[in-house]
Protein backbone atom coordinates (compact mmCIF):
# COMPACT_ATOMS: atom_id res chain seq x y z
CA MET A 1 -29.00 11.39 -20.91
CA PRO A 2 -26.01 8.96 -21.51
CA ASN A 3 -26.45 6.87 -24.71
CA ALA A 4 -26.85 3.05 -25.13
CA PHE A 5 -23.08 2.57 -25.14
CA LEU A 6 -22.37 4.46 -21.78
CA THR A 7 -25.61 2.85 -20.19
CA PHE A 8 -24.43 -0.69 -21.64
CA LEU A 9 -27.57 -1.31 -23.64
CA TYR A 10 -29.56 0.85 -21.19
CA SER A 11 -28.91 -1.65 -18.23
CA GLY A 12 -27.49 1.59 -16.38
CA LEU A 13 -31.19 2.89 -16.38
CA CYS A 14 -32.16 0.16 -14.01
CA PRO A 15 -33.79 2.15 -10.95
CA LYS A 16 -32.19 -0.04 -8.50
CA ALA A 17 -28.65 -0.83 -8.39
CA PRO A 18 -27.59 0.18 -12.07
CA GLY A 19 -24.01 -0.82 -11.40
CA THR A 20 -25.11 -4.41 -10.46
CA ALA A 21 -27.51 -4.59 -13.41
CA GLY A 22 -24.77 -3.50 -16.07
CA SER A 23 -22.30 -5.93 -14.39
CA LEU A 24 -24.65 -8.84 -14.49
CA LEU A 25 -25.41 -8.16 -18.17
CA ALA A 26 -21.64 -7.78 -18.88
CA VAL A 27 -20.88 -11.28 -17.11
CA ILE A 28 -23.57 -13.01 -19.19
CA LEU A 29 -22.31 -11.36 -22.45
CA GLY A 30 -18.64 -11.76 -21.55
CA ALA A 31 -18.95 -15.35 -20.55
CA GLY A 32 -20.86 -16.01 -23.71
CA ILE A 33 -18.04 -14.25 -25.94
CA ILE A 34 -15.51 -16.39 -24.19
CA HIS A 35 -17.58 -19.82 -24.65
CA TYR A 36 -18.77 -19.02 -28.19
CA ILE A 37 -16.22 -16.86 -29.87
CA SER A 38 -12.88 -16.62 -27.97
CA MET A 39 -10.90 -15.23 -24.95
CA GLU A 40 -8.87 -13.10 -27.51
CA THR A 41 -12.02 -11.37 -28.74
CA LEU A 42 -13.18 -10.45 -25.09
CA VAL A 43 -9.53 -8.93 -24.40
CA LEU A 44 -9.92 -6.95 -27.65
CA LEU A 45 -13.49 -5.64 -26.89
CA THR A 46 -12.24 -4.81 -23.32
CA ILE A 47 -9.34 -2.67 -24.75
CA LEU A 48 -11.81 -1.09 -27.40
CA PHE A 49 -14.42 -0.26 -24.74
CA THR A 50 -11.87 1.09 -22.25
CA LEU A 51 -10.73 3.42 -24.95
CA MET A 52 -14.23 4.36 -26.24
CA GLY A 53 -15.42 4.67 -22.75
CA VAL A 54 -12.96 7.20 -21.55
CA LYS A 55 -13.66 9.36 -24.80
CA HIS A 56 -17.44 9.26 -24.49
CA ILE A 57 -17.53 9.84 -20.76
CA ASN A 58 -15.18 12.76 -21.20
CA ALA A 59 -17.74 14.16 -23.82
CA TYR A 60 -20.62 13.44 -21.59
CA GLU A 61 -19.24 15.02 -18.50
CA ALA A 62 -18.19 18.09 -20.66
CA ASN A 63 -21.69 18.48 -21.80
CA SER A 64 -23.64 17.52 -18.48
CA GLY A 65 -21.18 19.01 -15.90
CA ASN A 66 -21.90 15.56 -14.24
CA HIS A 67 -19.00 13.44 -12.90
CA ASP A 68 -19.59 9.75 -12.39
CA ASP A 69 -23.20 9.43 -13.45
CA SER A 70 -24.66 6.29 -11.91
CA ARG A 71 -26.43 5.42 -15.06
CA ILE A 72 -23.05 5.23 -16.94
CA VAL A 73 -22.08 1.61 -16.31
CA ILE A 74 -19.56 1.18 -19.32
CA ASP A 75 -16.99 1.23 -16.45
CA GLU A 76 -18.38 -1.69 -14.76
CA VAL A 77 -18.42 -3.67 -17.96
CA VAL A 78 -14.77 -3.11 -18.43
CA GLY A 79 -14.07 -3.95 -14.90
CA VAL A 80 -15.97 -7.28 -14.77
CA TRP A 81 -14.48 -8.30 -18.03
CA ILE A 82 -11.11 -7.81 -16.80
CA ALA A 83 -12.00 -10.24 -13.88
CA LEU A 84 -13.44 -12.60 -16.35
CA ILE A 85 -10.21 -12.33 -18.60
CA LEU A 86 -8.12 -13.42 -15.40
CA SER A 87 -10.49 -16.12 -14.05
CA SER A 88 -13.25 -17.62 -15.99
CA GLY A 89 -12.70 -21.21 -16.55
CA THR A 90 -15.73 -22.43 -14.95
CA ILE A 91 -19.38 -21.25 -13.73
CA LEU A 92 -18.15 -20.90 -10.26
CA GLN A 93 -15.08 -18.80 -11.28
CA ILE A 94 -17.46 -16.55 -13.15
CA VAL A 95 -19.76 -16.18 -10.33
CA LEU A 96 -16.81 -15.72 -7.98
CA SER A 97 -15.48 -12.98 -10.46
CA PHE A 98 -18.81 -11.15 -10.46
CA VAL A 99 -19.16 -11.45 -6.76
CA PHE A 100 -15.58 -10.06 -6.08
CA PHE A 101 -15.91 -7.35 -8.58
CA ARG A 102 -19.04 -5.97 -7.04
CA LEU A 103 -17.61 -6.24 -3.70
CA PHE A 104 -14.31 -4.19 -4.48
CA ASP A 105 -16.31 -1.83 -6.89
CA ILE A 106 -18.74 -0.95 -3.97
CA TRP A 107 -16.25 -0.98 -1.24
CA LYS A 108 -13.37 0.62 -3.00
CA PRO A 109 -10.62 -0.25 -0.80
CA SER A 110 -7.08 1.38 -0.75
CA LEU A 111 -5.95 2.39 -4.32
CA ILE A 112 -9.39 1.77 -5.80
CA GLY A 113 -10.96 4.24 -3.75
CA LYS A 114 -8.03 6.94 -4.32
CA ILE A 115 -8.48 6.61 -8.06
CA ASP A 116 -12.24 7.05 -7.76
CA GLN A 117 -11.75 10.06 -5.58
CA ASN A 118 -8.74 11.61 -7.09
CA VAL A 119 -8.61 11.01 -10.87
CA LYS A 120 -11.15 13.12 -12.86
CA GLY A 121 -12.79 12.52 -16.24
CA GLY A 122 -13.01 9.27 -18.10
CA TRP A 123 -9.97 7.72 -16.54
CA GLY A 124 -11.23 8.35 -13.18
CA VAL A 125 -14.57 6.80 -13.97
CA ILE A 126 -13.23 3.70 -15.57
CA GLY A 127 -9.89 3.52 -13.74
CA ASP A 128 -11.27 2.28 -10.21
CA ASP A 129 -13.15 -0.40 -11.93
CA MET A 130 -10.36 -1.62 -13.96
CA LEU A 131 -8.32 -1.88 -10.72
CA ALA A 132 -11.40 -3.41 -9.13
CA GLY A 133 -11.68 -5.99 -11.95
CA LEU A 134 -8.01 -6.84 -11.74
CA VAL A 135 -8.14 -7.57 -7.94
CA ALA A 136 -11.56 -9.41 -8.29
CA GLY A 137 -9.94 -11.74 -11.11
CA ILE A 138 -6.91 -12.33 -8.85
CA CYS A 139 -9.13 -13.06 -5.93
CA SER A 140 -11.46 -15.25 -7.93
CA ALA A 141 -8.54 -17.38 -9.31
CA ALA A 142 -6.66 -17.55 -5.88
CA THR A 143 -10.07 -18.63 -4.21
CA PHE A 144 -10.65 -21.40 -6.97
CA GLN A 145 -7.01 -22.61 -6.64
CA PHE A 146 -7.19 -22.67 -2.88
CA PHE A 147 -10.18 -24.76 -2.65
CA GLY A 148 -8.87 -27.19 -5.55
CA TYR A 149 -5.69 -27.62 -3.48
CA VAL A 150 -7.73 -28.35 -0.29
CA GLN A 151 -9.91 -30.79 -2.07
CA ASN A 152 -7.02 -32.52 -3.80
CA THR A 153 -5.11 -32.61 -0.25
CA LEU A 154 -8.06 -34.19 1.54
CA LEU A 155 -8.70 -36.78 -1.08
CA ASN A 156 -5.17 -37.95 -1.34
């Protein structure tokens, strides 16, 4: 069974939608880290969790023979934190980051899906979520900017 780190405090053991459960917990903790500590801390934790995640996923897969176990959600944590790092100024941006991340993580369009299907081991498990987080953060920031522009244009 994956440990507390790989299941992100056991949120990955949720019987329905473990990836969403892990992502939701990660958004709450990530937003708290940004608000109460600093963005830099979240960046450093994201790097640390990525490197530790790859190592622990590789060890888990070697021992279990199971690639990308749905209970392992540390990859979702890394991905959603990347989205928050790119776009987390307001509650709306945090929600948009979460929604876009889950959309891209589940849908896996283009390169996200190719990484998921073709890259083995820990980097394969985490890599698609990293890219989904990058795209989600950009989409969240762009959406927020677009609606801010529209609002400013209409009010002026």
